[in-house]
Amino acid sequence: MEVVEEIVKIGEKGQVILPKKIREKEGLKRGDLMMIGYMDGFITLSKVEKKMDVIDVFTGLGEALREKGYDSEEKITELIDEVKEEVTEEWIKKLRK
C-alpha cells in the first residue's frame, strides 16, 4: 500500500486543491463527485464512483434512522437538535482549553 501525503492550503472559499499525483492515481477529473466526512477531528475525502452512490448513502441513512425509531419528521428534527447541541457543547469545551 502506497501512502501519499502532502500539505495543502485552504483557499478563500474553503477550497482545497488535490495534488496532481493523487488525482492521477485515482483518475479524478473536474466535475467528479467526492464524499467529504468529519468525525472526531478527522476529515475524510473519498471519491464517489457514480452519482447513484450518493443516493445509496442517503437511502441507507434513511433506513438506519427508521430502524432506530426516527420515523417522522418531528423525531428527526429532534435528533438533529440534540446532535447540534452536543456538537456545540464539545466545540465550546475545546475552545476553553
N, C-alpha and C. Protein backbone atom coordinates (compact mmCIF):
# COMPACT_ATOMS: atom_id res chain seq x y z
N MET A 1 0.85 -1.17 0.00
CA MET A 1 0.00 0.00 0.00
C MET A 1 0.90 1.24 0.00
N GLU A 2 0.68 2.09 -0.97
CA GLU A 2 1.46 3.32 -1.07
C GLU A 2 0.73 4.44 -0.34
N VAL A 3 1.46 5.18 0.47
CA VAL A 3 0.89 6.33 1.18
C VAL A 3 1.45 7.59 0.55
N VAL A 4 0.55 8.50 0.19
CA VAL A 4 0.95 9.79 -0.36
C VAL A 4 0.40 10.86 0.56
N GLU A 5 1.27 11.70 1.07
CA GLU A 5 0.85 12.80 1.94
C GLU A 5 1.44 14.09 1.42
N GLU A 6 0.65 15.13 1.38
CA GLU A 6 1.13 16.46 1.01
C GLU A 6 0.36 17.47 1.82
N ILE A 7 1.00 18.57 2.12
CA ILE A 7 0.33 19.66 2.81
C ILE A 7 -0.32 20.54 1.76
N VAL A 8 -1.59 20.85 1.96
CA VAL A 8 -2.31 21.72 1.03
C VAL A 8 -2.86 22.91 1.81
N LYS A 9 -3.15 23.97 1.10
CA LYS A 9 -3.64 25.20 1.71
C LYS A 9 -5.12 25.36 1.38
N ILE A 10 -5.89 25.80 2.36
CA ILE A 10 -7.31 26.05 2.14
C ILE A 10 -7.44 27.43 1.50
N GLY A 11 -8.18 27.48 0.40
CA GLY A 11 -8.36 28.73 -0.33
C GLY A 11 -9.42 29.63 0.30
N GLU A 12 -9.62 30.76 -0.35
CA GLU A 12 -10.53 31.80 0.15
C GLU A 12 -11.94 31.28 0.41
N LYS A 13 -12.43 30.41 -0.43
CA LYS A 13 -13.80 29.90 -0.28
C LYS A 13 -13.82 28.50 0.34
N GLY A 14 -12.77 28.12 1.05
CA GLY A 14 -12.72 26.82 1.69
C GLY A 14 -12.31 25.70 0.76
N GLN A 15 -11.85 26.05 -0.43
CA GLN A 15 -11.48 25.04 -1.41
C GLN A 15 -10.08 24.49 -1.14
N VAL A 16 -9.92 23.22 -1.43
CA VAL A 16 -8.63 22.55 -1.31
C VAL A 16 -8.30 21.94 -2.67
N ILE A 17 -7.10 22.15 -3.14
CA ILE A 17 -6.68 21.56 -4.41
C ILE A 17 -6.00 20.23 -4.11
N LEU A 18 -6.53 19.16 -4.69
CA LEU A 18 -5.91 17.85 -4.52
C LEU A 18 -4.63 17.81 -5.36
N PRO A 19 -3.54 17.33 -4.77
CA PRO A 19 -2.29 17.25 -5.53
C PRO A 19 -2.45 16.40 -6.80
N LYS A 20 -1.74 16.80 -7.83
CA LYS A 20 -1.82 16.14 -9.14
C LYS A 20 -1.56 14.64 -9.03
N LYS A 21 -0.55 14.27 -8.24
CA LYS A 21 -0.20 12.85 -8.11
C LYS A 21 -1.39 12.03 -7.60
N ILE A 22 -2.12 12.58 -6.65
CA ILE A 22 -3.29 11.87 -6.09
C ILE A 22 -4.42 11.84 -7.11
N ARG A 23 -4.66 12.97 -7.79
CA ARG A 23 -5.72 12.99 -8.81
C ARG A 23 -5.44 11.97 -9.89
N GLU A 24 -4.19 11.89 -10.32
CA GLU A 24 -3.83 10.93 -11.38
C GLU A 24 -3.98 9.50 -10.91
N LYS A 25 -3.53 9.20 -9.69
CA LYS A 25 -3.62 7.83 -9.15
C LYS A 25 -5.07 7.36 -9.08
N GLU A 26 -5.98 8.27 -8.76
CA GLU A 26 -7.40 7.92 -8.60
C GLU A 26 -8.22 8.20 -9.85
N GLY A 27 -7.58 8.74 -10.87
CA GLY A 27 -8.30 9.04 -12.11
C GLY A 27 -9.36 10.12 -11.93
N LEU A 28 -9.09 11.05 -11.03
CA LEU A 28 -10.05 12.12 -10.75
C LEU A 28 -9.92 13.23 -11.77
N LYS A 29 -11.07 13.76 -12.17
CA LYS A 29 -11.07 14.88 -13.10
C LYS A 29 -12.13 15.89 -12.69
N ARG A 30 -12.08 17.05 -13.28
CA ARG A 30 -13.02 18.13 -12.96
C ARG A 30 -14.47 17.62 -13.08
N GLY A 31 -15.26 17.94 -12.07
CA GLY A 31 -16.67 17.55 -12.09
C GLY A 31 -16.96 16.23 -11.38
N ASP A 32 -15.92 15.45 -11.05
CA ASP A 32 -16.15 14.20 -10.34
C ASP A 32 -16.72 14.50 -8.95
N LEU A 33 -17.56 13.60 -8.47
CA LEU A 33 -18.15 13.76 -7.14
C LEU A 33 -17.23 13.19 -6.07
N MET A 34 -17.17 13.89 -4.94
CA MET A 34 -16.38 13.45 -3.80
C MET A 34 -17.29 13.47 -2.57
N MET A 35 -17.06 12.53 -1.66
CA MET A 35 -17.80 12.48 -0.41
C MET A 35 -16.85 12.97 0.68
N ILE A 36 -17.25 14.01 1.41
CA ILE A 36 -16.42 14.51 2.50
C ILE A 36 -17.10 14.17 3.82
N GLY A 37 -16.31 13.76 4.78
CA GLY A 37 -16.87 13.39 6.08
C GLY A 37 -16.02 13.97 7.20
N TYR A 38 -16.60 14.05 8.37
CA TYR A 38 -15.89 14.55 9.54
C TYR A 38 -16.31 13.74 10.75
N MET A 39 -15.32 13.33 11.55
CA MET A 39 -15.62 12.61 12.79
C MET A 39 -14.46 12.76 13.75
N ASP A 40 -14.75 13.29 14.91
CA ASP A 40 -13.76 13.41 15.98
C ASP A 40 -12.42 13.98 15.53
N GLY A 41 -12.45 15.07 14.80
CA GLY A 41 -11.21 15.73 14.40
C GLY A 41 -10.58 15.21 13.13
N PHE A 42 -11.16 14.21 12.50
CA PHE A 42 -10.61 13.67 11.26
C PHE A 42 -11.52 14.02 10.10
N ILE A 43 -10.92 14.52 9.03
CA ILE A 43 -11.65 14.83 7.81
C ILE A 43 -11.29 13.77 6.79
N THR A 44 -12.30 13.20 6.16
CA THR A 44 -12.06 12.19 5.12
C THR A 44 -12.61 12.69 3.80
N LEU A 45 -11.98 12.27 2.74
CA LEU A 45 -12.42 12.62 1.40
C LEU A 45 -12.32 11.37 0.55
N SER A 46 -13.42 10.96 -0.04
CA SER A 46 -13.46 9.74 -0.85
C SER A 46 -14.14 10.03 -2.17
N LYS A 47 -13.65 9.37 -3.21
CA LYS A 47 -14.32 9.57 -4.50
C LYS A 47 -15.61 8.76 -4.52
N VAL A 48 -16.59 9.31 -5.21
CA VAL A 48 -17.86 8.64 -5.39
C VAL A 48 -17.82 8.05 -6.79
N GLU A 49 -17.96 6.75 -6.87
CA GLU A 49 -17.81 6.06 -8.15
C GLU A 49 -18.83 6.48 -9.19
N LYS A 50 -20.04 6.72 -8.73
CA LYS A 50 -21.09 7.14 -9.66
C LYS A 50 -22.14 7.90 -8.87
N LYS A 51 -22.94 8.69 -9.56
CA LYS A 51 -23.93 9.53 -8.90
C LYS A 51 -24.90 8.71 -8.06
N MET A 52 -25.20 7.51 -8.45
CA MET A 52 -26.11 6.66 -7.69
C MET A 52 -25.58 6.41 -6.28
N ASP A 53 -24.26 6.39 -6.09
CA ASP A 53 -23.70 6.13 -4.78
C ASP A 53 -24.19 7.14 -3.75
N VAL A 54 -24.32 8.40 -4.13
CA VAL A 54 -24.80 9.43 -3.21
C VAL A 54 -26.24 9.11 -2.80
N ILE A 55 -27.05 8.73 -3.76
CA ILE A 55 -28.43 8.36 -3.46
C ILE A 55 -28.45 7.15 -2.52
N ASP A 56 -27.57 6.18 -2.78
CA ASP A 56 -27.49 5.00 -1.91
C ASP A 56 -27.13 5.38 -0.48
N VAL A 57 -26.23 6.34 -0.32
CA VAL A 57 -25.82 6.79 1.02
C VAL A 57 -27.03 7.35 1.77
N PHE A 58 -27.76 8.23 1.11
CA PHE A 58 -28.91 8.84 1.77
C PHE A 58 -30.04 7.83 2.00
N THR A 59 -30.21 6.89 1.08
CA THR A 59 -31.20 5.84 1.27
C THR A 59 -30.84 5.01 2.49
N GLY A 60 -29.57 4.65 2.60
CA GLY A 60 -29.10 3.88 3.76
C GLY A 60 -29.27 4.65 5.06
N LEU A 61 -29.00 5.95 5.01
CA LEU A 61 -29.18 6.78 6.19
C LEU A 61 -30.64 6.79 6.62
N GLY A 62 -31.54 6.94 5.66
CA GLY A 62 -32.98 6.93 5.96
C GLY A 62 -33.42 5.62 6.58
N GLU A 63 -32.92 4.52 6.03
CA GLU A 63 -33.27 3.20 6.57
C GLU A 63 -32.76 3.04 8.00
N ALA A 64 -31.52 3.48 8.24
CA ALA A 64 -30.94 3.37 9.58
C ALA A 64 -31.73 4.22 10.58
N LEU A 65 -32.13 5.41 10.17
CA LEU A 65 -32.92 6.26 11.06
C LEU A 65 -34.26 5.62 11.40
N ARG A 66 -34.92 5.05 10.40
CA ARG A 66 -36.21 4.40 10.65
C ARG A 66 -36.05 3.20 11.59
N GLU A 67 -34.98 2.43 11.41
CA GLU A 67 -34.73 1.26 12.27
C GLU A 67 -34.54 1.68 13.72
N LYS A 68 -33.99 2.87 13.94
CA LYS A 68 -33.74 3.37 15.30
C LYS A 68 -34.94 4.12 15.87
N GLY A 69 -36.06 4.12 15.12
CA GLY A 69 -37.27 4.74 15.63
C GLY A 69 -37.50 6.18 15.19
N TYR A 70 -36.62 6.69 14.36
CA TYR A 70 -36.79 8.06 13.85
C TYR A 70 -37.58 7.97 12.55
N ASP A 71 -38.90 7.83 12.72
CA ASP A 71 -39.75 7.56 11.57
C ASP A 71 -40.69 8.70 11.21
N SER A 72 -40.42 9.87 11.78
CA SER A 72 -41.24 11.04 11.43
C SER A 72 -40.33 12.26 11.35
N GLU A 73 -40.80 13.26 10.64
CA GLU A 73 -40.02 14.50 10.51
C GLU A 73 -39.77 15.12 11.88
N GLU A 74 -40.76 15.05 12.75
CA GLU A 74 -40.63 15.61 14.09
C GLU A 74 -39.50 14.93 14.87
N LYS A 75 -39.46 13.60 14.83
CA LYS A 75 -38.41 12.86 15.56
C LYS A 75 -37.03 13.15 14.97
N ILE A 76 -36.95 13.25 13.66
CA ILE A 76 -35.66 13.53 13.02
C ILE A 76 -35.20 14.94 13.37
N THR A 77 -36.12 15.89 13.40
CA THR A 77 -35.79 17.27 13.78
C THR A 77 -35.28 17.30 15.22
N GLU A 78 -35.92 16.55 16.11
CA GLU A 78 -35.46 16.47 17.50
C GLU A 78 -34.04 15.90 17.57
N LEU A 79 -33.78 14.85 16.79
CA LEU A 79 -32.45 14.25 16.75
C LEU A 79 -31.42 15.26 16.27
N ILE A 80 -31.74 15.98 15.21
CA ILE A 80 -30.82 16.99 14.68
C ILE A 80 -30.52 18.04 15.74
N ASP A 81 -31.55 18.49 16.45
CA ASP A 81 -31.35 19.49 17.50
C ASP A 81 -30.45 18.95 18.61
N GLU A 82 -30.65 17.68 19.00
CA GLU A 82 -29.81 17.06 20.02
C GLU A 82 -28.35 17.00 19.57
N VAL A 83 -28.14 16.58 18.33
CA VAL A 83 -26.78 16.47 17.81
C VAL A 83 -26.13 17.85 17.74
N LYS A 84 -26.86 18.85 17.27
CA LYS A 84 -26.31 20.21 17.21
C LYS A 84 -25.91 20.69 18.59
N GLU A 85 -26.74 20.39 19.58
CA GLU A 85 -26.45 20.80 20.96
C GLU A 85 -25.18 20.11 21.46
N GLU A 86 -25.06 18.81 21.22
CA GLU A 86 -23.88 18.06 21.65
C GLU A 86 -22.61 18.58 20.97
N VAL A 87 -22.70 18.81 19.67
CA VAL A 87 -21.54 19.30 18.92
C VAL A 87 -21.14 20.68 19.42
N THR A 88 -22.12 21.53 19.67
CA THR A 88 -21.83 22.88 20.18
C THR A 88 -21.16 22.80 21.54
N GLU A 89 -21.65 21.93 22.43
CA GLU A 89 -21.04 21.77 23.75
C GLU A 89 -19.59 21.30 23.63
N GLU A 90 -19.34 20.33 22.76
CA GLU A 90 -17.98 19.83 22.55
C GLU A 90 -17.08 20.93 22.00
N TRP A 91 -17.60 21.70 21.06
CA TRP A 91 -16.84 22.78 20.44
C TRP A 91 -16.47 23.83 21.49
N ILE A 92 -17.43 24.18 22.35
CA ILE A 92 -17.17 25.16 23.41
C ILE A 92 -16.12 24.63 24.38
N LYS A 93 -16.20 23.35 24.74
CA LYS A 93 -15.20 22.75 25.64
C LYS A 93 -13.80 22.86 25.04
N LYS A 94 -13.68 22.57 23.74
CA LYS A 94 -12.38 22.64 23.07
C LYS A 94 -11.86 24.06 23.02
N LEU A 95 -12.74 25.02 22.83
CA LEU A 95 -12.33 26.42 22.78
C LEU A 95 -11.82 26.91 24.13
N ARG A 96 -12.37 26.37 25.19
CA ARG A 96 -11.99 26.80 26.54
C ARG A 96 -10.68 26.20 27.01
N LYS A 97 -10.19 25.19 26.33
CA LYS A 97 -8.93 24.52 26.73
C LYS A 97 -7.74 25.39 26.44
